Amino acid sequence: FWRNTDDRDVGRFLKLFTDLPLDEIAR
């Protein structure tokens, strides 16, 4: 389900649904 995320949603979902640091998410 998560692997099939729309390209446009990847950054937003990484912020909301993971603990990855924001600088890594920006990359």
mmCIF file of all heavy atoms, coordinates in Angstrom:
data_MODEL
# 
_entry.id   MODEL 
# 
loop_
_atom_site.group_PDB 
_atom_site.id 
_atom_site.type_symbol 
_atom_site.label_atom_id 
_atom_site.label_alt_id 
_atom_site.label_comp_id 
_atom_site.label_asym_id 
_atom_site.label_entity_id 
_atom_site.label_seq_id 
_atom_site.pdbx_PDB_ins_code 
_atom_site.Cartn_x 
_atom_site.Cartn_y 
_atom_site.Cartn_z 
_atom_site.occupancy 
_atom_site.B_iso_or_equiv 
_atom_site.pdbx_formal_charge 
_atom_site.auth_seq_id 
_atom_site.auth_comp_id 
_atom_site.auth_asym_id 
_atom_site.auth_atom_id 
_atom_site.pdbx_PDB_model_num 
ATOM 1   N N   . PHE A 1 1  ? 0.837  -1.205 0.000  1.00 0.00 ? 1  PHE A N   1 
ATOM 2   C CA  . PHE A 1 1  ? 0.000  0.000  0.000  1.00 0.00 ? 1  PHE A CA  1 
ATOM 3   C C   . PHE A 1 1  ? 0.872  1.254  0.000  1.00 0.00 ? 1  PHE A C   1 
ATOM 4   O O   . PHE A 1 1  ? 0.645  2.190  -0.771 1.00 0.00 ? 1  PHE A O   1 
ATOM 5   C CB  . PHE A 1 1  ? -0.937 -0.008 1.204  1.00 0.00 ? 1  PHE A CB  1 
ATOM 6   C CG  . PHE A 1 1  ? -1.633 1.316  1.440  1.00 0.00 ? 1  PHE A CG  1 
ATOM 7   C CD1 . PHE A 1 1  ? -2.733 1.680  0.684  1.00 0.00 ? 1  PHE A CD1 1 
ATOM 8   C CD2 . PHE A 1 1  ? -1.171 2.199  2.413  1.00 0.00 ? 1  PHE A CD2 1 
ATOM 9   C CE1 . PHE A 1 1  ? -3.364 2.907  0.885  1.00 0.00 ? 1  PHE A CE1 1 
ATOM 10  C CE2 . PHE A 1 1  ? -1.791 3.431  2.615  1.00 0.00 ? 1  PHE A CE2 1 
ATOM 11  C CZ  . PHE A 1 1  ? -2.896 3.774  1.851  1.00 0.00 ? 1  PHE A CZ  1 
ATOM 12  N N   . TRP A 1 2  ? 1.877  1.279  0.869  1.00 0.00 ? 2  TRP A N   1 
ATOM 13  C CA  . TRP A 1 2  ? 2.754  2.455  0.954  1.00 0.00 ? 2  TRP A CA  1 
ATOM 14  C C   . TRP A 1 2  ? 3.680  2.537  -0.259 1.00 0.00 ? 2  TRP A C   1 
ATOM 15  O O   . TRP A 1 2  ? 3.975  3.644  -0.741 1.00 0.00 ? 2  TRP A O   1 
ATOM 16  C CB  . TRP A 1 2  ? 3.566  2.408  2.245  1.00 0.00 ? 2  TRP A CB  1 
ATOM 17  C CG  . TRP A 1 2  ? 2.710  2.512  3.470  1.00 0.00 ? 2  TRP A CG  1 
ATOM 18  C CD1 . TRP A 1 2  ? 2.351  1.512  4.328  1.00 0.00 ? 2  TRP A CD1 1 
ATOM 19  C CD2 . TRP A 1 2  ? 2.049  3.693  3.950  1.00 0.00 ? 2  TRP A CD2 1 
ATOM 20  N NE1 . TRP A 1 2  ? 1.524  1.996  5.311  1.00 0.00 ? 2  TRP A NE1 1 
ATOM 21  C CE2 . TRP A 1 2  ? 1.321  3.334  5.105  1.00 0.00 ? 2  TRP A CE2 1 
ATOM 22  C CE3 . TRP A 1 2  ? 2.008  5.012  3.528  1.00 0.00 ? 2  TRP A CE3 1 
ATOM 23  C CZ2 . TRP A 1 2  ? 0.569  4.240  5.844  1.00 0.00 ? 2  TRP A CZ2 1 
ATOM 24  C CZ3 . TRP A 1 2  ? 1.263  5.936  4.250  1.00 0.00 ? 2  TRP A CZ3 1 
ATOM 25  C CH2 . TRP A 1 2  ? 0.552  5.557  5.392  1.00 0.00 ? 2  TRP A CH2 1 
ATOM 26  N N   . ARG A 1 3  ? 4.114  1.396  -0.754 1.00 0.00 ? 3  ARG A N   1 
ATOM 27  C CA  . ARG A 1 3  ? 4.988  1.392  -1.939 1.00 0.00 ? 3  ARG A CA  1 
ATOM 28  C C   . ARG A 1 3  ? 4.263  1.975  -3.159 1.00 0.00 ? 3  ARG A C   1 
ATOM 29  O O   . ARG A 1 3  ? 4.891  2.574  -4.040 1.00 0.00 ? 3  ARG A O   1 
ATOM 30  C CB  . ARG A 1 3  ? 5.452  -0.047 -2.224 1.00 0.00 ? 3  ARG A CB  1 
ATOM 31  C CG  . ARG A 1 3  ? 6.187  -0.259 -3.542 1.00 0.00 ? 3  ARG A CG  1 
ATOM 32  C CD  . ARG A 1 3  ? 7.477  0.529  -3.605 1.00 0.00 ? 3  ARG A CD  1 
ATOM 33  N NE  . ARG A 1 3  ? 8.160  0.337  -4.874 1.00 0.00 ? 3  ARG A NE  1 
ATOM 34  C CZ  . ARG A 1 3  ? 7.865  0.987  -5.989 1.00 0.00 ? 3  ARG A CZ  1 
ATOM 35  N NH1 . ARG A 1 3  ? 6.879  1.894  -6.008 1.00 0.00 ? 3  ARG A NH1 1 
ATOM 36  N NH2 . ARG A 1 3  ? 8.560  0.753  -7.102 1.00 0.00 ? 3  ARG A NH2 1 
ATOM 37  N N   . ASN A 1 4  ? 2.953  1.843  -3.201 1.00 0.00 ? 4  ASN A N   1 
ATOM 38  C CA  . ASN A 1 4  ? 2.178  2.330  -4.347 1.00 0.00 ? 4  ASN A CA  1 
ATOM 39  C C   . ASN A 1 4  ? 1.746  3.792  -4.202 1.00 0.00 ? 4  ASN A C   1 
ATOM 40  O O   . ASN A 1 4  ? 0.900  4.272  -4.954 1.00 0.00 ? 4  ASN A O   1 
ATOM 41  C CB  . ASN A 1 4  ? 0.932  1.459  -4.538 1.00 0.00 ? 4  ASN A CB  1 
ATOM 42  C CG  . ASN A 1 4  ? 1.280  0.054  -4.984 1.00 0.00 ? 4  ASN A CG  1 
ATOM 43  O OD1 . ASN A 1 4  ? 2.354  -0.182 -5.536 1.00 0.00 ? 4  ASN A OD1 1 
ATOM 44  N ND2 . ASN A 1 4  ? 0.385  -0.896 -4.726 1.00 0.00 ? 4  ASN A ND2 1 
ATOM 45  N N   . THR A 1 5  ? 2.327  4.506  -3.248 1.00 0.00 ? 5  THR A N   1 
ATOM 46  C CA  . THR A 1 5  ? 2.000  5.916  -3.029 1.00 0.00 ? 5  THR A CA  1 
ATOM 47  C C   . THR A 1 5  ? 2.252  6.748  -4.290 1.00 0.00 ? 5  THR A C   1 
ATOM 48  O O   . THR A 1 5  ? 3.245  6.552  -4.991 1.00 0.00 ? 5  THR A O   1 
ATOM 49  C CB  . THR A 1 5  ? 2.849  6.481  -1.865 1.00 0.00 ? 5  THR A CB  1 
ATOM 50  O OG1 . THR A 1 5  ? 2.478  5.805  -0.659 1.00 0.00 ? 5  THR A OG1 1 
ATOM 51  C CG2 . THR A 1 5  ? 2.648  7.971  -1.683 1.00 0.00 ? 5  THR A CG2 1 
ATOM 52  N N   . ASP A 1 6  ? 1.361  7.671  -4.560 1.00 0.00 ? 6  ASP A N   1 
ATOM 53  C CA  . ASP A 1 6  ? 1.526  8.612  -5.667 1.00 0.00 ? 6  ASP A CA  1 
ATOM 54  C C   . ASP A 1 6  ? 2.792  9.449  -5.439 1.00 0.00 ? 6  ASP A C   1 
ATOM 55  O O   . ASP A 1 6  ? 3.094  9.848  -4.313 1.00 0.00 ? 6  ASP A O   1 
ATOM 56  C CB  . ASP A 1 6  ? 0.293  9.533  -5.720 1.00 0.00 ? 6  ASP A CB  1 
ATOM 57  C CG  . ASP A 1 6  ? 0.265  10.416 -6.956 1.00 0.00 ? 6  ASP A CG  1 
ATOM 58  O OD1 . ASP A 1 6  ? 1.133  11.306 -7.070 1.00 0.00 ? 6  ASP A OD1 1 
ATOM 59  O OD2 . ASP A 1 6  ? -0.651 10.254 -7.776 1.00 0.00 ? 6  ASP A OD2 1 
ATOM 60  N N   . ASP A 1 7  ? 3.528  9.719  -6.526 1.00 0.00 ? 7  ASP A N   1 
ATOM 61  C CA  . ASP A 1 7  ? 4.764  10.517 -6.422 1.00 0.00 ? 7  ASP A CA  1 
ATOM 62  C C   . ASP A 1 7  ? 4.538  11.803 -5.633 1.00 0.00 ? 7  ASP A C   1 
ATOM 63  O O   . ASP A 1 7  ? 5.390  12.228 -4.850 1.00 0.00 ? 7  ASP A O   1 
ATOM 64  C CB  . ASP A 1 7  ? 5.279  10.891 -7.817 1.00 0.00 ? 7  ASP A CB  1 
ATOM 65  C CG  . ASP A 1 7  ? 5.766  9.694  -8.612 1.00 0.00 ? 7  ASP A CG  1 
ATOM 66  O OD1 . ASP A 1 7  ? 5.656  8.551  -8.105 1.00 0.00 ? 7  ASP A OD1 1 
ATOM 67  O OD2 . ASP A 1 7  ? 6.248  9.893  -9.744 1.00 0.00 ? 7  ASP A OD2 1 
ATOM 68  N N   . ARG A 1 8  ? 3.382  12.443 -5.836 1.00 0.00 ? 8  ARG A N   1 
ATOM 69  C CA  . ARG A 1 8  ? 3.105  13.745 -5.227 1.00 0.00 ? 8  ARG A CA  1 
ATOM 70  C C   . ARG A 1 8  ? 2.891  13.664 -3.724 1.00 0.00 ? 8  ARG A C   1 
ATOM 71  O O   . ARG A 1 8  ? 2.941  14.686 -3.029 1.00 0.00 ? 8  ARG A O   1 
ATOM 72  C CB  . ARG A 1 8  ? 1.862  14.363 -5.889 1.00 0.00 ? 8  ARG A CB  1 
ATOM 73  C CG  . ARG A 1 8  ? 2.031  14.667 -7.372 1.00 0.00 ? 8  ARG A CG  1 
ATOM 74  C CD  . ARG A 1 8  ? 0.691  14.930 -8.043 1.00 0.00 ? 8  ARG A CD  1 
ATOM 75  N NE  . ARG A 1 8  ? -0.115 13.717 -8.131 1.00 0.00 ? 8  ARG A NE  1 
ATOM 76  C CZ  . ARG A 1 8  ? -1.353 13.680 -8.634 1.00 0.00 ? 8  ARG A CZ  1 
ATOM 77  N NH1 . ARG A 1 8  ? -1.936 14.814 -9.046 1.00 0.00 ? 8  ARG A NH1 1 
ATOM 78  N NH2 . ARG A 1 8  ? -2.008 12.535 -8.704 1.00 0.00 ? 8  ARG A NH2 1 
ATOM 79  N N   . ASP A 1 9  ? 2.641  12.459 -3.207 1.00 0.00 ? 9  ASP A N   1 
ATOM 80  C CA  . ASP A 1 9  ? 2.346  12.297 -1.785 1.00 0.00 ? 9  ASP A CA  1 
ATOM 81  C C   . ASP A 1 9  ? 3.540  11.848 -0.954 1.00 0.00 ? 9  ASP A C   1 
ATOM 82  O O   . ASP A 1 9  ? 3.457  11.824 0.278  1.00 0.00 ? 9  ASP A O   1 
ATOM 83  C CB  . ASP A 1 9  ? 1.222  11.261 -1.598 1.00 0.00 ? 9  ASP A CB  1 
ATOM 84  C CG  . ASP A 1 9  ? -0.133 11.775 -2.045 1.00 0.00 ? 9  ASP A CG  1 
ATOM 85  O OD1 . ASP A 1 9  ? -0.377 12.988 -1.916 1.00 0.00 ? 9  ASP A OD1 1 
ATOM 86  O OD2 . ASP A 1 9  ? -0.944 10.955 -2.520 1.00 0.00 ? 9  ASP A OD2 1 
ATOM 87  N N   . VAL A 1 10 ? 4.634  11.487 -1.601 1.00 0.00 ? 10 VAL A N   1 
ATOM 88  C CA  . VAL A 1 10 ? 5.737  10.828 -0.890 1.00 0.00 ? 10 VAL A CA  1 
ATOM 89  C C   . VAL A 1 10 ? 6.265  11.685 0.258  1.00 0.00 ? 10 VAL A C   1 
ATOM 90  O O   . VAL A 1 10 ? 6.375  11.225 1.404  1.00 0.00 ? 10 VAL A O   1 
ATOM 91  C CB  . VAL A 1 10 ? 6.869  10.450 -1.861 1.00 0.00 ? 10 VAL A CB  1 
ATOM 92  C CG1 . VAL A 1 10 ? 8.093  9.963  -1.096 1.00 0.00 ? 10 VAL A CG1 1 
ATOM 93  C CG2 . VAL A 1 10 ? 6.397  9.368  -2.817 1.00 0.00 ? 10 VAL A CG2 1 
ATOM 94  N N   . GLY A 1 11 ? 6.613  12.939 -0.011 1.00 0.00 ? 11 GLY A N   1 
ATOM 95  C CA  . GLY A 1 11 ? 7.186  13.793 1.026  1.00 0.00 ? 11 GLY A CA  1 
ATOM 96  C C   . GLY A 1 11 ? 6.233  14.014 2.191  1.00 0.00 ? 11 GLY A C   1 
ATOM 97  O O   . GLY A 1 11 ? 6.622  13.925 3.363  1.00 0.00 ? 11 GLY A O   1 
ATOM 98  N N   . ARG A 1 12 ? 4.966  14.285 1.870  1.00 0.00 ? 12 ARG A N   1 
ATOM 99  C CA  . ARG A 1 12 ? 3.968  14.538 2.915  1.00 0.00 ? 12 ARG A CA  1 
ATOM 100 C C   . ARG A 1 12 ? 3.762  13.309 3.788  1.00 0.00 ? 12 ARG A C   1 
ATOM 101 O O   . ARG A 1 12 ? 3.682  13.403 5.019  1.00 0.00 ? 12 ARG A O   1 
ATOM 102 C CB  . ARG A 1 12 ? 2.647  14.952 2.242  1.00 0.00 ? 12 ARG A CB  1 
ATOM 103 C CG  . ARG A 1 12 ? 1.559  15.406 3.192  1.00 0.00 ? 12 ARG A CG  1 
ATOM 104 C CD  . ARG A 1 12 ? 0.491  16.159 2.427  1.00 0.00 ? 12 ARG A CD  1 
ATOM 105 N NE  . ARG A 1 12 ? -0.069 15.355 1.341  1.00 0.00 ? 12 ARG A NE  1 
ATOM 106 C CZ  . ARG A 1 12 ? -1.262 14.766 1.384  1.00 0.00 ? 12 ARG A CZ  1 
ATOM 107 N NH1 . ARG A 1 12 ? -2.023 14.906 2.454  1.00 0.00 ? 12 ARG A NH1 1 
ATOM 108 N NH2 . ARG A 1 12 ? -1.708 14.063 0.368  1.00 0.00 ? 12 ARG A NH2 1 
ATOM 109 N N   . PHE A 1 13 ? 3.685  12.142 3.165  1.00 0.00 ? 13 PHE A N   1 
ATOM 110 C CA  . PHE A 1 13 ? 3.458  10.917 3.927  1.00 0.00 ? 13 PHE A CA  1 
ATOM 111 C C   . PHE A 1 13 ? 4.679  10.530 4.757  1.00 0.00 ? 13 PHE A C   1 
ATOM 112 O O   . PHE A 1 13 ? 4.537  9.966  5.847  1.00 0.00 ? 13 PHE A O   1 
ATOM 113 C CB  . PHE A 1 13 ? 3.060  9.778  2.991  1.00 0.00 ? 13 PHE A CB  1 
ATOM 114 C CG  . PHE A 1 13 ? 1.659  9.895  2.437  1.00 0.00 ? 13 PHE A CG  1 
ATOM 115 C CD1 . PHE A 1 13 ? 0.847  10.978 2.755  1.00 0.00 ? 13 PHE A CD1 1 
ATOM 116 C CD2 . PHE A 1 13 ? 1.155  8.918  1.587  1.00 0.00 ? 13 PHE A CD2 1 
ATOM 117 C CE1 . PHE A 1 13 ? -0.449 11.087 2.243  1.00 0.00 ? 13 PHE A CE1 1 
ATOM 118 C CE2 . PHE A 1 13 ? -0.138 9.015  1.078  1.00 0.00 ? 13 PHE A CE2 1 
ATOM 119 C CZ  . PHE A 1 13 ? -0.934 10.106 1.396  1.00 0.00 ? 13 PHE A CZ  1 
ATOM 120 N N   . LEU A 1 14 ? 5.876  10.816 4.264  1.00 0.00 ? 14 LEU A N   1 
ATOM 121 C CA  . LEU A 1 14 ? 7.077  10.567 5.062  1.00 0.00 ? 14 LEU A CA  1 
ATOM 122 C C   . LEU A 1 14 ? 7.058  11.405 6.341  1.00 0.00 ? 14 LEU A C   1 
ATOM 123 O O   . LEU A 1 14 ? 7.453  10.940 7.415  1.00 0.00 ? 14 LEU A O   1 
ATOM 124 C CB  . LEU A 1 14 ? 8.335  10.876 4.249  1.00 0.00 ? 14 LEU A CB  1 
ATOM 125 C CG  . LEU A 1 14 ? 8.758  9.826  3.215  1.00 0.00 ? 14 LEU A CG  1 
ATOM 126 C CD1 . LEU A 1 14 ? 9.794  10.409 2.261  1.00 0.00 ? 14 LEU A CD1 1 
ATOM 127 C CD2 . LEU A 1 14 ? 9.321  8.573  3.895  1.00 0.00 ? 14 LEU A CD2 1 
ATOM 128 N N   . LYS A 1 15 ? 6.585  12.649 6.238  1.00 0.00 ? 15 LYS A N   1 
ATOM 129 C CA  . LYS A 1 15 ? 6.502  13.515 7.427  1.00 0.00 ? 15 LYS A CA  1 
ATOM 130 C C   . LYS A 1 15 ? 5.452  13.026 8.411  1.00 0.00 ? 15 LYS A C   1 
ATOM 131 O O   . LYS A 1 15 ? 5.665  13.012 9.627  1.00 0.00 ? 15 LYS A O   1 
ATOM 132 C CB  . LYS A 1 15 ? 6.164  14.950 7.009  1.00 0.00 ? 15 LYS A CB  1 
ATOM 133 C CG  . LYS A 1 15 ? 7.267  15.685 6.299  1.00 0.00 ? 15 LYS A CG  1 
ATOM 134 C CD  . LYS A 1 15 ? 6.797  17.080 5.889  1.00 0.00 ? 15 LYS A CD  1 
ATOM 135 C CE  . LYS A 1 15 ? 7.860  17.801 5.082  1.00 0.00 ? 15 LYS A CE  1 
ATOM 136 N NZ  . LYS A 1 15 ? 7.381  19.124 4.588  1.00 0.00 ? 15 LYS A NZ  1 
ATOM 137 N N   . LEU A 1 16 ? 4.309  12.627 7.879  1.00 0.00 ? 16 LEU A N   1 
ATOM 138 C CA  . LEU A 1 16 ? 3.190  12.256 8.736  1.00 0.00 ? 16 LEU A CA  1 
ATOM 139 C C   . LEU A 1 16 ? 3.324  10.864 9.332  1.00 0.00 ? 16 LEU A C   1 
ATOM 140 O O   . LEU A 1 16 ? 2.956  10.641 10.498 1.00 0.00 ? 16 LEU A O   1 
ATOM 141 C CB  . LEU A 1 16 ? 1.882  12.333 7.941  1.00 0.00 ? 16 LEU A CB  1 
ATOM 142 C CG  . LEU A 1 16 ? 1.390  13.710 7.520  1.00 0.00 ? 16 LEU A CG  1 
ATOM 143 C CD1 . LEU A 1 16 ? 0.214  13.575 6.550  1.00 0.00 ? 16 LEU A CD1 1 
ATOM 144 C CD2 . LEU A 1 16 ? 0.968  14.542 8.724  1.00 0.00 ? 16 LEU A CD2 1 
ATOM 145 N N   . PHE A 1 17 ? 3.824  9.917  8.565  1.00 0.00 ? 17 PHE A N   1 
ATOM 146 C CA  . PHE A 1 17 ? 3.691  8.507  8.933  1.00 0.00 ? 17 PHE A CA  1 
ATOM 147 C C   . PHE A 1 17 ? 5.005  7.775  9.209  1.00 0.00 ? 17 PHE A C   1 
ATOM 148 O O   . PHE A 1 17 ? 5.005  6.557  9.369  1.00 0.00 ? 17 PHE A O   1 
ATOM 149 C CB  . PHE A 1 17 ? 2.901  7.766  7.845  1.00 0.00 ? 17 PHE A CB  1 
ATOM 150 C CG  . PHE A 1 17 ? 1.540  8.356  7.596  1.00 0.00 ? 17 PHE A CG  1 
ATOM 151 C CD1 . PHE A 1 17 ? 1.206  8.911  6.367  1.00 0.00 ? 17 PHE A CD1 1 
ATOM 152 C CD2 . PHE A 1 17 ? 0.588  8.388  8.606  1.00 0.00 ? 17 PHE A CD2 1 
ATOM 153 C CE1 . PHE A 1 17 ? -0.054 9.469  6.140  1.00 0.00 ? 17 PHE A CE1 1 
ATOM 154 C CE2 . PHE A 1 17 ? -0.672 8.939  8.391  1.00 0.00 ? 17 PHE A CE2 1 
ATOM 155 C CZ  . PHE A 1 17 ? -0.987 9.477  7.163  1.00 0.00 ? 17 PHE A CZ  1 
ATOM 156 N N   . THR A 1 18 ? 6.130  8.509  9.253  1.00 0.00 ? 18 THR A N   1 
ATOM 157 C CA  . THR A 1 18 ? 7.408  7.900  9.625  1.00 0.00 ? 18 THR A CA  1 
ATOM 158 C C   . THR A 1 18 ? 8.119  8.820  10.620 1.00 0.00 ? 18 THR A C   1 
ATOM 159 O O   . THR A 1 18 ? 7.723  9.961  10.827 1.00 0.00 ? 18 THR A O   1 
ATOM 160 C CB  . THR A 1 18 ? 8.340  7.671  8.407  1.00 0.00 ? 18 THR A CB  1 
ATOM 161 O OG1 . THR A 1 18 ? 8.998  8.910  8.058  1.00 0.00 ? 18 THR A OG1 1 
ATOM 162 C CG2 . THR A 1 18 ? 7.569  7.138  7.207  1.00 0.00 ? 18 THR A CG2 1 
ATOM 163 N N   . ASP A 1 19 ? 9.210  8.301  11.189 1.00 0.00 ? 19 ASP A N   1 
ATOM 164 C CA  . ASP A 1 19 ? 10.032 9.086  12.109 1.00 0.00 ? 19 ASP A CA  1 
ATOM 165 C C   . ASP A 1 19 ? 11.305 9.596  11.450 1.00 0.00 ? 19 ASP A C   1 
ATOM 166 O O   . ASP A 1 19 ? 12.211 10.082 12.137 1.00 0.00 ? 19 ASP A O   1 
ATOM 167 C CB  . ASP A 1 19 ? 10.411 8.238  13.330 1.00 0.00 ? 19 ASP A CB  1 
ATOM 168 C CG  . ASP A 1 19 ? 9.251  8.051  14.303 1.00 0.00 ? 19 ASP A CG  1 
ATOM 169 O OD1 . ASP A 1 19 ? 8.273  8.821  14.228 1.00 0.00 ? 19 ASP A OD1 1 
ATOM 170 O OD2 . ASP A 1 19 ? 9.319  7.121  15.135 1.00 0.00 ? 19 ASP A OD2 1 
ATOM 171 N N   . LEU A 1 20 ? 11.401 9.494  10.135 1.00 0.00 ? 20 LEU A N   1 
ATOM 172 C CA  . LEU A 1 20 ? 12.606 9.974  9.459  1.00 0.00 ? 20 LEU A CA  1 
ATOM 173 C C   . LEU A 1 20 ? 12.816 11.465 9.725  1.00 0.00 ? 20 LEU A C   1 
ATOM 174 O O   . LEU A 1 20 ? 11.855 12.240 9.765  1.00 0.00 ? 20 LEU A O   1 
ATOM 175 C CB  . LEU A 1 20 ? 12.494 9.753  7.948  1.00 0.00 ? 20 LEU A CB  1 
ATOM 176 C CG  . LEU A 1 20 ? 12.701 8.334  7.410  1.00 0.00 ? 20 LEU A CG  1 
ATOM 177 C CD1 . LEU A 1 20 ? 12.578 8.344  5.894  1.00 0.00 ? 20 LEU A CD1 1 
ATOM 178 C CD2 . LEU A 1 20 ? 14.046 7.774  7.820  1.00 0.00 ? 20 LEU A CD2 1 
ATOM 179 N N   . PRO A 1 21 ? 14.079 11.898 9.888  1.00 0.00 ? 21 PRO A N   1 
ATOM 180 C CA  . PRO A 1 21 ? 14.358 13.325 10.102 1.00 0.00 ? 21 PRO A CA  1 
ATOM 181 C C   . PRO A 1 21 ? 13.923 14.163 8.894  1.00 0.00 ? 21 PRO A C   1 
ATOM 182 O O   . PRO A 1 21 ? 13.933 13.691 7.756  1.00 0.00 ? 21 PRO A O   1 
ATOM 183 C CB  . PRO A 1 21 ? 15.883 13.374 10.280 1.00 0.00 ? 21 PRO A CB  1 
ATOM 184 C CG  . PRO A 1 21 ? 16.298 11.973 10.563 1.00 0.00 ? 21 PRO A CG  1 
ATOM 185 C CD  . PRO A 1 21 ? 15.294 11.077 9.914  1.00 0.00 ? 21 PRO A CD  1 
ATOM 186 N N   . LEU A 1 22 ? 13.576 15.417 9.158  1.00 0.00 ? 22 LEU A N   1 
ATOM 187 C CA  . LEU A 1 22 ? 13.052 16.281 8.099  1.00 0.00 ? 22 LEU A CA  1 
ATOM 188 C C   . LEU A 1 22 ? 14.079 16.539 6.995  1.00 0.00 ? 22 LEU A C   1 
ATOM 189 O O   . LEU A 1 22 ? 13.703 16.666 5.819  1.00 0.00 ? 22 LEU A O   1 
ATOM 190 C CB  . LEU A 1 22 ? 12.575 17.610 8.696  1.00 0.00 ? 22 LEU A CB  1 
ATOM 191 C CG  . LEU A 1 22 ? 11.339 17.526 9.590  1.00 0.00 ? 22 LEU A CG  1 
ATOM 192 C CD1 . LEU A 1 22 ? 11.017 18.893 10.183 1.00 0.00 ? 22 LEU A CD1 1 
ATOM 193 C CD2 . LEU A 1 22 ? 10.139 16.987 8.811  1.00 0.00 ? 22 LEU A CD2 1 
ATOM 194 N N   . ASP A 1 23 ? 15.370 16.625 7.342  1.00 0.00 ? 23 ASP A N   1 
ATOM 195 C CA  . ASP A 1 23 ? 16.361 16.869 6.286  1.00 0.00 ? 23 ASP A CA  1 
ATOM 196 C C   . ASP A 1 23 ? 16.482 15.677 5.343  1.00 0.00 ? 23 ASP A C   1 
ATOM 197 O O   . ASP A 1 23 ? 16.656 15.836 4.125  1.00 0.00 ? 23 ASP A O   1 
ATOM 198 C CB  . ASP A 1 23 ? 17.728 17.236 6.881  1.00 0.00 ? 23 ASP A CB  1 
ATOM 199 C CG  . ASP A 1 23 ? 18.259 16.208 7.869  1.00 0.00 ? 23 ASP A CG  1 
ATOM 200 O OD1 . ASP A 1 23 ? 17.518 15.254 8.202  1.00 0.00 ? 23 ASP A OD1 1 
ATOM 201 O OD2 . ASP A 1 23 ? 19.417 16.358 8.312  1.00 0.00 ? 23 ASP A OD2 1 
ATOM 202 N N   . GLU A 1 24 ? 16.338 14.456 5.887  1.00 0.00 ? 24 GLU A N   1 
ATOM 203 C CA  . GLU A 1 24 ? 16.350 13.265 5.043  1.00 0.00 ? 24 GLU A CA  1 
ATOM 204 C C   . GLU A 1 24 ? 15.102 13.214 4.169  1.00 0.00 ? 24 GLU A C   1 
ATOM 205 O O   . GLU A 1 24 ? 15.155 12.836 2.993  1.00 0.00 ? 24 GLU A O   1 
ATOM 206 C CB  . GLU A 1 24 ? 16.454 12.009 5.904  1.00 0.00 ? 24 GLU A CB  1 
ATOM 207 C CG  . GLU A 1 24 ? 16.339 10.681 5.163  1.00 0.00 ? 24 GLU A CG  1 
ATOM 208 C CD  . GLU A 1 24 ? 17.465 10.415 4.166  1.00 0.00 ? 24 GLU A CD  1 
ATOM 209 O OE1 . GLU A 1 24 ? 18.417 11.219 4.087  1.00 0.00 ? 24 GLU A OE1 1 
ATOM 210 O OE2 . GLU A 1 24 ? 17.380 9.397  3.457  1.00 0.00 ? 24 GLU A OE2 1 
ATOM 211 N N   . ILE A 1 25 ? 13.972 13.617 4.723  1.00 0.00 ? 25 ILE A N   1 
ATOM 212 C CA  . ILE A 1 25 ? 12.725 13.651 3.954  1.00 0.00 ? 25 ILE A CA  1 
ATOM 213 C C   . ILE A 1 25 ? 12.840 14.663 2.815  1.00 0.00 ? 25 ILE A C   1 
ATOM 214 O O   . ILE A 1 25 ? 12.408 14.401 1.688  1.00 0.00 ? 25 ILE A O   1 
ATOM 215 C CB  . ILE A 1 25 ? 11.526 13.980 4.871  1.00 0.00 ? 25 ILE A CB  1 
ATOM 216 C CG1 . ILE A 1 25 ? 11.272 12.812 5.832  1.00 0.00 ? 25 ILE A CG1 1 
ATOM 217 C CG2 . ILE A 1 25 ? 10.267 14.273 4.044  1.00 0.00 ? 25 ILE A CG2 1 
ATOM 218 C CD1 . ILE A 1 25 ? 10.231 13.103 6.901  1.00 0.00 ? 25 ILE A CD1 1 
ATOM 219 N N   . ALA A 1 26 ? 13.447 15.814 3.085  1.00 0.00 ? 26 ALA A N   1 
ATOM 220 C CA  . ALA A 1 26 ? 13.625 16.835 2.045  1.00 0.00 ? 26 ALA A CA  1 
ATOM 221 C C   . ALA A 1 26 ? 14.466 16.291 0.893  1.00 0.00 ? 26 ALA A C   1 
ATOM 222 O O   . ALA A 1 26 ? 14.184 16.550 -0.282 1.00 0.00 ? 26 ALA A O   1 
ATOM 223 C CB  . ALA A 1 26 ? 14.284 18.077 2.644  1.00 0.00 ? 26 ALA A CB  1 
ATOM 224 N N   . ARG A 1 27 ? 15.490 15.509 1.237  1.00 0.00 ? 27 ARG A N   1 
ATOM 225 C CA  . ARG A 1 27 ? 16.333 14.901 0.194  1.00 0.00 ? 27 ARG A CA  1 
ATOM 226 C C   . ARG A 1 27 ? 15.533 13.906 -0.635 1.00 0.00 ? 27 ARG A C   1 
ATOM 227 O O   . ARG A 1 27 ? 15.610 13.897 -1.871 1.00 0.00 ? 27 ARG A O   1 
ATOM 228 C CB  . ARG A 1 27 ? 17.531 14.198 0.843  1.00 0.00 ? 27 ARG A CB  1 
ATOM 229 C CG  . ARG A 1 27 ? 18.504 13.595 -0.161 1.00 0.00 ? 27 ARG A CG  1 
ATOM 230 C CD  . ARG A 1 27 ? 19.556 12.726 0.504  1.00 0.00 ? 27 ARG A CD  1 
ATOM 231 N NE  . ARG A 1 27 ? 19.009 11.469 1.002  1.00 0.00 ? 27 ARG A NE  1 
ATOM 232 C CZ  . ARG A 1 27 ? 18.777 10.406 0.233  1.00 0.00 ? 27 ARG A CZ  1 
ATOM 233 N NH1 . ARG A 1 27 ? 19.002 10.450 -1.079 1.00 0.00 ? 27 ARG A NH1 1 
ATOM 234 N NH2 . ARG A 1 27 ? 18.294 9.291  0.752  1.00 0.00 ? 27 ARG A NH2 1 
# 
